[in-house]
C-alpha atoms as a PDB file:
ATOM      1  CA  MET A   1       3.668 -16.029  14.697  1.00  0.00           C
ATOM      2  CA  GLU A   2       4.614 -13.588  12.005  1.00  0.00           C
ATOM      3  CA  ASN A   3       3.019 -10.132  12.084  1.00  0.00           C
ATOM      4  CA  THR A   4       4.384  -7.045  10.366  1.00  0.00           C
ATOM      5  CA  LEU A   5       3.449  -3.616  11.716  1.00  0.00           C
ATOM      6  CA  LEU A   6       4.209  -0.178  10.343  1.00  0.00           C
ATOM      7  CA  ILE A   7       5.001   2.269  13.119  1.00  0.00           C
ATOM      8  CA  GLU A   8       5.997   5.924  13.146  1.00  0.00           C
ATOM      9  CA  ILE A   9       8.805   6.937  15.574  1.00  0.00           C
ATOM     10  CA  THR A  10       7.742  10.112  17.359  1.00  0.00           C
ATOM     11  CA  ASN A  11      10.628  10.208  19.817  1.00  0.00           C
ATOM     12  CA  PRO A  12      14.304   9.235  19.133  1.00  0.00           C
ATOM     13  CA  LYS A  13      14.439   7.277  22.385  1.00  0.00           C
ATOM     14  CA  ALA A  14      11.798   4.890  20.970  1.00  0.00           C
ATOM     15  CA  LEU A  15      14.234   3.864  18.218  1.00  0.00           C
ATOM     16  CA  GLY A  16      16.769   2.829  20.786  1.00  0.00           C
ATOM     17  CA  LEU A  17      14.242   0.720  22.621  1.00  0.00           C
ATOM     18  CA  LEU A  18      13.299  -1.011  19.461  1.00  0.00           C
ATOM     19  CA  HIS A  19      16.958  -1.818  18.812  1.00  0.00           C
ATOM     20  CA  GLU A  20      17.276  -3.211  22.358  1.00  0.00           C
ATOM     21  CA  LEU A  21      14.227  -5.468  21.710  1.00  0.00           C
ATOM     22  CA  GLU A  22      15.912  -6.569  18.529  1.00  0.00           C
ATOM     23  CA  GLU A  23      19.056  -7.533  20.372  1.00  0.00           C
ATOM     24  CA  LEU A  24      16.976  -9.598  22.746  1.00  0.00           C
ATOM     25  CA  HIS A  25      15.523 -11.393  19.629  1.00  0.00           C
ATOM     26  CA  LEU A  26      12.020 -10.254  20.508  1.00  0.00           C
ATOM     27  CA  ILE A  27      11.425  -8.277  17.304  1.00  0.00           C
ATOM     28  CA  LYS A  28      13.121  -7.660  13.987  1.00  0.00           C
ATOM     29  CA  VAL A  29      13.523  -4.057  12.761  1.00  0.00           C
ATOM     30  CA  LEU A  30      12.946  -3.820   9.079  1.00  0.00           C
ATOM     31  CA  LYS A  31      15.030  -1.056   7.461  1.00  0.00           C
ATOM     32  CA  ASN A  32      12.510  -0.173   4.686  1.00  0.00           C
ATOM     33  CA  ASN A  33       8.706   0.003   4.710  1.00  0.00           C
ATOM     34  CA  PRO A  34       7.110  -3.079   3.135  1.00  0.00           C
ATOM     35  CA  LYS A  35       6.661  -2.521  -0.632  1.00  0.00           C
ATOM     36  CA  GLN A  36       3.054  -2.059  -1.686  1.00  0.00           C
ATOM     37  CA  PRO A  37       2.245  -3.541  -5.102  1.00  0.00           C
ATOM     38  CA  LYS A  38       1.069  -1.106  -7.797  1.00  0.00           C
ATOM     39  CA  LEU A  39      -2.726  -1.128  -8.256  1.00  0.00           C
ATOM     40  CA  SER A  40      -2.176  -2.119 -11.899  1.00  0.00           C
ATOM     41  CA  GLU A  41      -0.253  -5.215 -10.681  1.00  0.00           C
ATOM     42  CA  LYS A  42      -2.710  -5.995  -7.931  1.00  0.00           C
ATOM     43  CA  TYR A  43      -5.726  -5.971 -10.161  1.00  0.00           C
ATOM     44  CA  ARG A  44      -4.234  -7.342 -13.363  1.00  0.00           C
ATOM     45  CA  GLY A  45      -6.464 -10.058 -14.801  1.00  0.00           C
ATOM     46  CA  VAL A  46      -9.397  -9.381 -12.454  1.00  0.00           C
ATOM     47  CA  PHE A  47     -11.626  -7.812 -15.227  1.00  0.00           C
ATOM     48  CA  THR A  48     -12.305  -9.297 -18.573  1.00  0.00           C
ATOM     49  CA  LYS A  49     -11.203  -7.103 -21.493  1.00  0.00           C
ATOM     50  CA  GLU A  50     -14.889  -6.331 -22.207  1.00  0.00           C
ATOM     51  CA  ASP A  51     -15.580  -5.338 -18.605  1.00  0.00           C
ATOM     52  CA  ALA A  52     -12.416  -3.189 -18.449  1.00  0.00           C
ATOM     53  CA  GLN A  53     -13.354  -1.444 -21.697  1.00  0.00           C
ATOM     54  CA  SER A  54     -16.918  -0.851 -20.436  1.00  0.00           C
ATOM     55  CA  PHE A  55     -15.596   0.553 -17.178  1.00  0.00           C
ATOM     56  CA  ASN A  56     -13.136   2.768 -19.062  1.00  0.00           C
ATOM     57  CA  ASP A  57     -15.844   4.094 -21.375  1.00  0.00           C
ATOM     58  CA  HIS A  58     -18.145   4.826 -18.417  1.00  0.00           C
ATOM     59  CA  THR A  59     -15.314   6.657 -16.568  1.00  0.00           C
ATOM     60  CA  GLN A  60     -14.441   8.714 -19.637  1.00  0.00           C
ATOM     61  CA  GLY A  61     -18.181   9.664 -19.929  1.00  0.00           C
ATOM     62  CA  MET A  62     -18.368  10.737 -16.313  1.00  0.00           C
ATOM     63  CA  ARG A  63     -15.231  12.817 -16.706  1.00  0.00           C
ATOM     64  CA  SER A  64     -16.567  14.624 -19.786  1.00  0.00           C
ATOM     65  CA  GLU A  65     -19.791  15.325 -17.863  1.00  0.00           C
ATOM     66  CA  TRP A  66     -17.840  17.037 -15.107  1.00  0.00           C
ATOM     67  CA  LYS A  67     -15.872  19.127 -17.648  1.00  0.00           C
ATOM     68  CA  ASP A  68     -19.306  20.416 -18.997  1.00  0.00           C
ATOM     69  CA  ILE A  69     -20.339  21.742 -15.553  1.00  0.00           C
END
């Protein structure tokens, strides 16, 4: 069973408890937060070039409409 959770320590005593659990081999404390991929990497290749260009054109049009308000 391999689950990764991101937690926020709100009390310094909790960090000590986590380290004790790690010494008992119940959990593993990760030093850094898991790295999230960039959205450009995550969605690379999802759209065809034509769809991406159409989406970009539509987005630019919407932005120009907002500038006119």
